PDB file of N, CA and C in Angstrom:
ATOM      1  N   MET A   1      46.517  89.922 304.042  1.00  0.00           N
ATOM      2  CA  MET A   1      47.078  90.986 304.861  1.00  0.00           C
ATOM      3  C   MET A   1      47.475  92.159 303.969  1.00  0.00           C
ATOM      4  N   THR A   2      47.417  93.330 304.528  1.00  0.00           N
ATOM      5  CA  THR A   2      47.822  94.511 303.780  1.00  0.00           C
ATOM      6  C   THR A   2      49.341  94.625 303.790  1.00  0.00           C
ATOM      7  N   ALA A   3      49.843  95.481 302.938  1.00  0.00           N
ATOM      8  CA  ALA A   3      51.292  95.688 302.881  1.00  0.00           C
ATOM      9  C   ALA A   3      51.813  96.234 304.202  1.00  0.00           C
ATOM     10  N   THR A   4      51.060  97.112 304.831  1.00  0.00           N
ATOM     11  CA  THR A   4      51.485  97.655 306.123  1.00  0.00           C
ATOM     12  C   THR A   4      51.587  96.556 307.168  1.00  0.00           C
ATOM     13  N   ALA A   5      50.631  95.647 307.170  1.00  0.00           N
ATOM     14  CA  ALA A   5      50.670  94.539 308.124  1.00  0.00           C
ATOM     15  C   ALA A   5      51.878  93.638 307.873  1.00  0.00           C
ATOM     16  N   TRP A   6      52.184  93.383 306.612  1.00  0.00           N
ATOM     17  CA  TRP A   6      53.356  92.555 306.301  1.00  0.00           C
ATOM     18  C   TRP A   6      54.644  93.242 306.727  1.00  0.00           C
ATOM     19  N   ILE A   7      54.731  94.536 306.507  1.00  0.00           N
ATOM     20  CA  ILE A   7      55.931  95.270 306.914  1.00  0.00           C
ATOM     21  C   ILE A   7      56.094  95.230 308.421  1.00  0.00           C
ATOM     22  N   ILE A   8      55.016  95.433 309.145  1.00  0.00           N
ATOM     23  CA  ILE A   8      55.080  95.348 310.607  1.00  0.00           C
ATOM     24  C   ILE A   8      55.465  93.946 311.044  1.00  0.00           C
ATOM     25  N   PHE A   9      54.887  92.935 310.410  1.00  0.00           N
ATOM     26  CA  PHE A   9      55.217  91.545 310.737  1.00  0.00           C
ATOM     27  C   PHE A   9      56.699  91.261 310.526  1.00  0.00           C
ATOM     28  N   TYR A  10      57.231  91.650 309.379  1.00  0.00           N
ATOM     29  CA  TYR A  10      58.647  91.373 309.098  1.00  0.00           C
ATOM     30  C   TYR A  10      59.580  92.163 310.008  1.00  0.00           C
ATOM     31  N   TRP A  11      59.209  93.405 310.356  1.00  0.00           N
ATOM     32  CA  TRP A  11      60.032  94.169 311.296  1.00  0.00           C
ATOM     33  C   TRP A  11      60.054  93.493 312.658  1.00  0.00           C
ATOM     34  N   LEU A  12      58.899  93.061 313.123  1.00  0.00           N
ATOM     35  CA  LEU A  12      58.832  92.375 314.416  1.00  0.00           C
ATOM     36  C   LEU A  12      59.594  91.053 314.386  1.00  0.00           C
ATOM     37  N   ALA A  13      59.474  90.317 313.284  1.00  0.00           N
ATOM     38  CA  ALA A  13      60.220  89.062 313.148  1.00  0.00           C
ATOM     39  C   ALA A  13      61.726  89.331 313.139  1.00  0.00           C
ATOM     40  N   PHE A  14      62.136  90.357 312.426  1.00  0.00           N
ATOM     41  CA  PHE A  14      63.555  90.725 312.371  1.00  0.00           C
ATOM     42  C   PHE A  14      64.078  91.071 313.765  1.00  0.00           C
ATOM     43  N   ALA A  15      63.333  91.905 314.488  1.00  0.00           N
ATOM     44  CA  ALA A  15      63.761  92.303 315.835  1.00  0.00           C
ATOM     45  C   ALA A  15      63.733  91.133 316.802  1.00  0.00           C
ATOM     46  N   ALA A  16      62.689  90.332 316.743  1.00  0.00           N
ATOM     47  CA  ALA A  16      62.560  89.208 317.675  1.00  0.00           C
ATOM     48  C   ALA A  16      63.652  88.164 317.463  1.00  0.00           C
ATOM     49  N   THR A  17      63.944  87.846 316.207  1.00  0.00           N
ATOM     50  CA  THR A  17      64.991  86.854 315.961  1.00  0.00           C
ATOM     51  C   THR A  17      66.359  87.386 316.363  1.00  0.00           C
ATOM     52  N   HIS A  18      66.611  88.660 316.165  1.00  0.00           N
ATOM     53  CA  HIS A  18      67.881  89.230 316.605  1.00  0.00           C
ATOM     54  C   HIS A  18      68.009  89.168 318.121  1.00  0.00           C
ATOM     55  N   MET A  19      66.945  89.537 318.829  1.00  0.00           N
ATOM     56  CA  MET A  19      67.004  89.498 320.293  1.00  0.00           C
ATOM     57  C   MET A  19      67.129  88.076 320.809  1.00  0.00           C
ATOM     58  N   LEU A  20      66.394  87.152 320.201  1.00  0.00           N
ATOM     59  CA  LEU A  20      66.451  85.763 320.639  1.00  0.00           C
ATOM     60  C   LEU A  20      67.828  85.158 320.401  1.00  0.00           C
ATOM     61  N   LEU A  21      68.358  85.338 319.202  1.00  0.00           N
ATOM     62  CA  LEU A  21      69.669  84.767 318.891  1.00  0.00           C
ATOM     63  C   LEU A  21      70.785  85.439 319.689  1.00  0.00           C
ATOM     64  N   ALA A  22      70.675  86.719 319.936  1.00  0.00           N
ATOM     65  CA  ALA A  22      71.695  87.413 320.725  1.00  0.00           C
ATOM     66  C   ALA A  22      71.614  87.007 322.193  1.00  0.00           C
ATOM     67  N   ASP A  23      70.402  86.788 322.679  1.00  0.00           N
ATOM     68  CA  ASP A  23      70.221  86.392 324.068  1.00  0.00           C
ATOM     69  C   ASP A  23      70.781  84.992 324.327  1.00  0.00           C
ATOM     70  N   ARG A  24      70.659  84.117 323.375  1.00  0.00           N
ATOM     71  CA  ARG A  24      71.127  82.728 323.520  1.00  0.00           C
ATOM     72  C   ARG A  24      72.491  82.509 322.872  1.00  0.00           C
ATOM     73  N   ARG A  25      73.234  83.566 322.685  1.00  0.00           N
ATOM     74  CA  ARG A  25      74.487  83.492 321.939  1.00  0.00           C
ATOM     75  C   ARG A  25      75.494  82.510 322.537  1.00  0.00           C
ATOM     76  N   LYS A  26      75.730  82.599 323.836  1.00  0.00           N
ATOM     77  CA  LYS A  26      76.729  81.711 324.449  1.00  0.00           C
ATOM     78  C   LYS A  26      76.352  80.247 324.297  1.00  0.00           C
ATOM     79  N   ASN A  27      75.077  79.936 324.518  1.00  0.00           N
ATOM     80  CA  ASN A  27      74.633  78.547 324.373  1.00  0.00           C
ATOM     81  C   ASN A  27      74.747  78.067 322.937  1.00  0.00           C
ATOM     82  N   LEU A  28      74.376  78.923 322.001  1.00  0.00           N
ATOM     83  CA  LEU A  28      74.436  78.534 320.588  1.00  0.00           C
ATOM     84  C   LEU A  28      75.874  78.395 320.104  1.00  0.00           C
ATOM     85  N   ILE A  29      76.749  79.269 320.548  1.00  0.00           N
ATOM     86  CA  ILE A  29      78.161  79.152 320.166  1.00  0.00           C
ATOM     87  C   ILE A  29      78.759  77.889 320.765  1.00  0.00           C
ATOM     88  N   HIS A  30      78.388  77.582 322.001  1.00  0.00           N
ATOM     89  CA  HIS A  30      78.877  76.348 322.636  1.00  0.00           C
ATOM     90  C   HIS A  30      78.367  75.115 321.887  1.00  0.00           C
ATOM     91  N   SER A  31      77.125  75.172 321.407  1.00  0.00           N
ATOM     92  CA  SER A  31      76.530  74.026 320.712  1.00  0.00           C
ATOM     93  C   SER A  31      77.016  73.883 319.278  1.00  0.00           C
ATOM     94  N   PHE A  32      77.100  75.004 318.552  1.00  0.00           N
ATOM     95  CA  PHE A  32      77.395  74.944 317.118  1.00  0.00           C
ATOM     96  C   PHE A  32      78.783  75.431 316.736  1.00  0.00           C
ATOM     97  N   GLY A  33      79.420  76.198 317.576  1.00  0.00           N
ATOM     98  CA  GLY A  33      80.682  76.831 317.216  1.00  0.00           C
ATOM     99  C   GLY A  33      80.433  78.238 316.708  1.00  0.00           C
ATOM    100  N   SER A  34      81.462  79.067 316.790  1.00  0.00           N
ATOM    101  CA  SER A  34      81.276  80.479 316.440  1.00  0.00           C
ATOM    102  C   SER A  34      81.003  80.698 314.952  1.00  0.00           C
ATOM    103  N   ARG A  35      81.631  79.914 314.101  1.00  0.00           N
ATOM    104  CA  ARG A  35      81.427  80.096 312.671  1.00  0.00           C
ATOM    105  C   ARG A  35      80.008  79.712 312.246  1.00  0.00           C
ATOM    106  N   LEU A  36      79.523  78.581 312.725  1.00  0.00           N
ATOM    107  CA  LEU A  36      78.170  78.157 312.374  1.00  0.00           C
ATOM    108  C   LEU A  36      77.129  79.084 313.002  1.00  0.00           C
ATOM    109  N   TYR A  37      77.407  79.597 314.203  1.00  0.00           N
ATOM    110  CA  TYR A  37      76.508  80.572 314.816  1.00  0.00           C
ATOM    111  C   TYR A  37      76.396  81.815 313.930  1.00  0.00           C
ATOM    112  N   ALA A  38      77.516  82.288 313.423  1.00  0.00           N
ATOM    113  CA  ALA A  38      77.499  83.462 312.550  1.00  0.00           C
ATOM    114  C   ALA A  38      76.715  83.181 311.272  1.00  0.00           C
ATOM    115  N   VAL A  39      76.839  81.972 310.741  1.00  0.00           N
ATOM    116  CA  VAL A  39      76.089  81.602 309.539  1.00  0.00           C
ATOM    117  C   VAL A  39      74.598  81.556 309.839  1.00  0.00           C
ATOM    118  N   ILE A  40      74.229  80.966 310.970  1.00  0.00           N
ATOM    119  CA  ILE A  40      72.817  80.889 311.352  1.00  0.00           C
ATOM    120  C   ILE A  40      72.257  82.285 311.586  1.00  0.00           C
ATOM    121  N   TYR A  41      72.978  83.106 312.332  1.00  0.00           N
ATOM    122  CA  TYR A  41      72.536  84.465 312.639  1.00  0.00           C
ATOM    123  C   TYR A  41      72.349  85.268 311.358  1.00  0.00           C
ATOM    124  N   SER A  42      73.319  85.181 310.462  1.00  0.00           N
ATOM    125  CA  SER A  42      73.238  85.911 309.192  1.00  0.00           C
ATOM    126  C   SER A  42      72.106  85.384 308.319  1.00  0.00           C
ATOM    127  N   GLY A  43      71.929  84.085 308.300  1.00  0.00           N
ATOM    128  CA  GLY A  43      70.868  83.481 307.495  1.00  0.00           C
ATOM    129  C   GLY A  43      69.484  83.884 307.967  1.00  0.00           C
ATOM    130  N   VAL A  44      69.289  83.885 309.285  1.00  0.00           N
ATOM    131  CA  VAL A  44      68.000  84.290 309.835  1.00  0.00           C
ATOM    132  C   VAL A  44      67.753  85.775 309.564  1.00  0.00           C
ATOM    133  N   ALA A  45      68.774  86.596 309.745  1.00  0.00           N
ATOM    134  CA  ALA A  45      68.630  88.026 309.472  1.00  0.00           C
ATOM    135  C   ALA A  45      68.291  88.261 307.999  1.00  0.00           C
ATOM    136  N   PHE A  46      68.968  87.545 307.130  1.00  0.00           N
ATOM    137  CA  PHE A  46      68.721  87.668 305.696  1.00  0.00           C
ATOM    138  C   PHE A  46      67.310  87.210 305.352  1.00  0.00           C
ATOM    139  N   ALA A  47      66.864  86.113 305.973  1.00  0.00           N
ATOM    140  CA  ALA A  47      65.536  85.564 305.696  1.00  0.00           C
ATOM    141  C   ALA A  47      64.423  86.496 306.172  1.00  0.00           C
ATOM    142  N   CYS A  48      64.697  87.322 307.169  1.00  0.00           N
ATOM    143  CA  CYS A  48      63.685  88.288 307.642  1.00  0.00           C
ATOM    144  C   CYS A  48      63.782  89.618 306.909  1.00  0.00           C
ATOM    145  N   PHE A  49      64.985  90.044 306.585  1.00  0.00           N
ATOM    146  CA  PHE A  49      65.175  91.374 306.035  1.00  0.00           C
ATOM    147  C   PHE A  49      64.825  91.457 304.549  1.00  0.00           C
ATOM    148  N   VAL A  50      65.137  90.431 303.786  1.00  0.00           N
ATOM    149  CA  VAL A  50      64.867  90.466 302.346  1.00  0.00           C
ATOM    150  C   VAL A  50      63.370  90.581 302.051  1.00  0.00           C
ATOM    151  N   PRO A  51      62.508  89.775 302.681  1.00  0.00           N
ATOM    152  CA  PRO A  51      61.076  89.974 302.421  1.00  0.00           C
ATOM    153  C   PRO A  51      60.568  91.342 302.885  1.00  0.00           C
ATOM    154  N   LEU A  52      61.129  91.851 303.972  1.00  0.00           N
ATOM    155  CA  LEU A  52      60.754  93.178 304.452  1.00  0.00           C
ATOM    156  C   LEU A  52      61.039  94.230 303.397  1.00  0.00           C
ATOM    157  N   VAL A  53      62.225  94.219 302.848  1.00  0.00           N
ATOM    158  CA  VAL A  53      62.600  95.181 301.811  1.00  0.00           C
ATOM    159  C   VAL A  53      61.769  94.948 300.550  1.00  0.00           C
ATOM    160  N   TRP A  54      61.539  93.711 300.210  1.00  0.00           N
ATOM    161  CA  TRP A  54      60.754  93.376 299.014  1.00  0.00           C
ATOM    162  C   TRP A  54      59.342  93.953 299.116  1.00  0.00           C
ATOM    163  N   VAL A  55      58.669  93.715 300.242  1.00  0.00           N
ATOM    164  CA  VAL A  55      57.308  94.223 300.418  1.00  0.00           C
ATOM    165  C   VAL A  55      57.311  95.746 300.405  1.00  0.00           C
ATOM    166  N   TYR A  56      58.279  96.342 301.081  1.00  0.00           N
ATOM    167  CA  TYR A  56      58.354  97.802 301.101  1.00  0.00           C
ATOM    168  C   TYR A  56      58.533  98.374 299.695  1.00  0.00           C
ATOM    169  N   LEU A  57      59.455  97.827 298.934  1.00  0.00           N
ATOM    170  CA  LEU A  57      59.723  98.355 297.598  1.00  0.00           C
ATOM    171  C   LEU A  57      58.544  98.141 296.653  1.00  0.00           C
ATOM    172  N   GLU A  58      57.810  97.051 296.818  1.00  0.00           N
ATOM    173  CA  GLU A  58      56.649  96.799 295.969  1.00  0.00           C
ATOM    174  C   GLU A  58      55.493  97.750 296.274  1.00  0.00           C
ATOM    175  N   HIS A  59      55.426  98.254 297.502  1.00  0.00           N
ATOM    176  CA  HIS A  59      54.271  99.054 297.914  1.00  0.00           C
ATOM    177  C   HIS A  59      54.640 100.451 298.395  1.00  0.00           C
ATOM    178  N   ARG A  60      55.804 100.937 298.081  1.00  0.00           N
ATOM    179  CA  ARG A  60      56.247 102.214 298.641  1.00  0.00           C
ATOM    180  C   ARG A  60      55.457 103.415 298.145  1.00  0.00           C
ATOM    181  N   HIS A  61      54.849 103.335 296.985  1.00  0.00           N
ATOM    182  CA  HIS A  61      54.104 104.480 296.456  1.00  0.00           C
ATOM    183  C   HIS A  61      52.596 104.269 296.496  1.00  0.00           C
ATOM    184  N   THR A  62      52.152 103.305 297.275  1.00  0.00           N
ATOM    185  CA  THR A  62      50.711 103.093 297.404  1.00  0.00           C
ATOM    186  C   THR A  62      50.212 103.748 298.683  1.00  0.00           C
ATOM    187  N   GLY A  63      49.019 104.229 298.648  1.00  0.00           N
ATOM    188  CA  GLY A  63      48.443 104.850 299.838  1.00  0.00           C
ATOM    189  C   GLY A  63      48.907 106.284 300.010  1.00  0.00           C
ATOM    190  N   SER A  64      48.430 106.888 301.086  1.00  0.00           N
ATOM    191  CA  SER A  64      48.764 108.279 301.372  1.00  0.00           C
ATOM    192  C   SER A  64      50.054 108.370 302.167  1.00  0.00           C
ATOM    193  N   LEU A  65      50.745 109.475 301.996  1.00  0.00           N
ATOM    194  CA  LEU A  65      51.928 109.734 302.804  1.00  0.00           C
ATOM    195  C   LEU A  65      51.492 110.291 304.148  1.00  0.00           C
ATOM    196  N   LEU A  66      52.198 109.941 305.189  1.00  0.00           N
ATOM    197  CA  LEU A  66      51.812 110.330 306.534  1.00  0.00           C
ATOM    198  C   LEU A  66      51.708 111.844 306.678  1.00  0.00           C
ATOM    199  N   TRP A  67      52.723 112.579 306.172  1.00  0.00           N
ATOM    200  CA  TRP A  67      52.699 114.022 306.356  1.00  0.00           C
ATOM    201  C   TRP A  67      51.598 114.674 305.533  1.00  0.00           C
ATOM    202  N   ILE A  68      51.210 114.086 304.418  1.00  0.00           N
ATOM    203  CA  ILE A  68      50.095 114.619 303.636  1.00  0.00           C
ATOM    204  C   ILE A  68      48.788 114.420 304.408  1.00  0.00           C
ATOM    205  N   CYS A  69      48.612 113.256 305.026  1.00  0.00           N
ATOM    206  CA  CYS A  69      47.413 113.003 305.822  1.00  0.00           C
ATOM    207  C   CYS A  69      47.331 113.982 306.977  1.00  0.00           C
ATOM    208  N   LEU A  70      48.432 114.254 307.611  1.00  0.00           N
ATOM    209  CA  LEU A  70      48.433 115.185 308.726  1.00  0.00           C
ATOM    210  C   LEU A  70      48.121 116.602 308.270  1.00  0.00           C
ATOM    211  N   LEU A  71      48.625 116.983 307.113  1.00  0.00           N
ATOM    212  CA  LEU A  71      48.351 118.322 306.602  1.00  0.00           C
ATOM    213  C   LEU A  71      46.881 118.506 306.255  1.00  0.00           C
ATOM    214  N   TYR A  72      46.301 117.502 305.608  1.00  0.00           N
ATOM    215  CA  TYR A  72      44.916 117.633 305.178  1.00  0.00           C
ATOM    216  C   TYR A  72      43.933 117.659 306.342  1.00  0.00           C
ATOM    217  N   THR A  73      44.330 117.178 307.488  1.00  0.00           N
ATOM    218  CA  THR A  73      43.407 117.178 308.625  1.00  0.00           C
ATOM    219  C   THR A  73      43.501 118.446 309.454  1.00  0.00           C
ATOM    220  N   SER A  74      44.514 119.257 309.225  1.00  0.00           N
ATOM    221  CA  SER A  74      44.641 120.468 310.029  1.00  0.00           C
ATOM    222  C   SER A  74      43.791 121.599 309.448  1.00  0.00           C
ATOM    223  N   ASP A  75      43.269 122.439 310.316  1.00  0.00           N
ATOM    224  CA  ASP A  75      42.441 123.573 309.885  1.00  0.00           C
ATOM    225  C   ASP A  75      43.253 124.572 309.067  1.00  0.00           C
ATOM    226  N   ALA A  76      44.497 124.786 309.462  1.00  0.00           N
ATOM    227  CA  ALA A  76      45.338 125.748 308.748  1.00  0.00           C
ATOM    228  C   ALA A  76      45.558 125.300 307.307  1.00  0.00           C
ATOM    229  N   CYS A  77      45.703 124.027 307.094  1.00  0.00           N
ATOM    230  CA  CYS A  77      45.927 123.518 305.747  1.00  0.00           C
ATOM    231  C   CYS A  77      44.675 123.647 304.902  1.00  0.00           C
ATOM    232  N   ARG A  78      43.526 123.390 305.484  1.00  0.00           N
ATOM    233  CA  ARG A  78      42.284 123.509 304.721  1.00  0.00           C
ATOM    234  C   ARG A  78      42.030 124.938 304.274  1.00  0.00           C
ATOM    235  N   ARG A  79      42.495 125.899 305.062  1.00  0.00           N
ATOM    236  CA  ARG A  79      42.300 127.306 304.697  1.00  0.00           C
ATOM    237  C   ARG A  79      43.356 127.779 303.692  1.00  0.00           C
ATOM    238  N   SER A  80      44.479 127.106 303.632  1.00  0.00           N
ATOM    239  CA  SER A  80      45.558 127.564 302.745  1.00  0.00           C
ATOM    240  C   SER A  80      45.302 127.096 301.318  1.00  0.00           C
ATOM    241  N   THR A  81      46.018 127.716 300.393  1.00  0.00           N
ATOM    242  CA  THR A  81      45.874 127.336 298.988  1.00  0.00           C
ATOM    243  C   THR A  81      46.752 126.158 298.607  1.00  0.00           C
ATOM    244  N   LEU A  82      47.686 125.777 299.479  1.00  0.00           N
ATOM    245  CA  LEU A  82      48.588 124.678 299.168  1.00  0.00           C
ATOM    246  C   LEU A  82      47.883 123.338 299.133  1.00  0.00           C
ATOM    247  N   CYS A  83      46.873 123.158 299.958  1.00  0.00           N
ATOM    248  CA  CYS A  83      46.221 121.859 300.083  1.00  0.00           C
ATOM    249  C   CYS A  83      44.977 121.725 299.211  1.00  0.00           C
ATOM    250  N   ARG A  84      44.608 122.752 298.532  1.00  0.00           N
ATOM    251  CA  ARG A  84      43.403 122.673 297.678  1.00  0.00           C
ATOM    252  C   ARG A  84      43.769 122.067 296.344  1.00  0.00           C
ATOM    253  N   SER A  85      42.910 121.192 295.879  1.00  0.00           N
ATOM    254  CA  SER A  85      43.198 120.587 294.579  1.00  0.00           C
ATOM    255  C   SER A  85      42.314 121.134 293.499  1.00  0.00           C
TER     256      SER A  85
END
């Protein structure tokens, strides 16, 4: 998988686990207690967020920047001297 795919995967995993755990909060607190629920919630968030940041930091300067790609495709940019190399 590409770095972009991994970043999208980890973002979706982060959001999905937050929504799932928040949606089932009352049941989980009743089953595990509030302290253990907080530990589980924090652990899952940490397990999703750390790889997300890791992949981002490892690949942050690879590939083209979005605004550069947009500039190079516009006619005004091609005519200007700013975009010529």
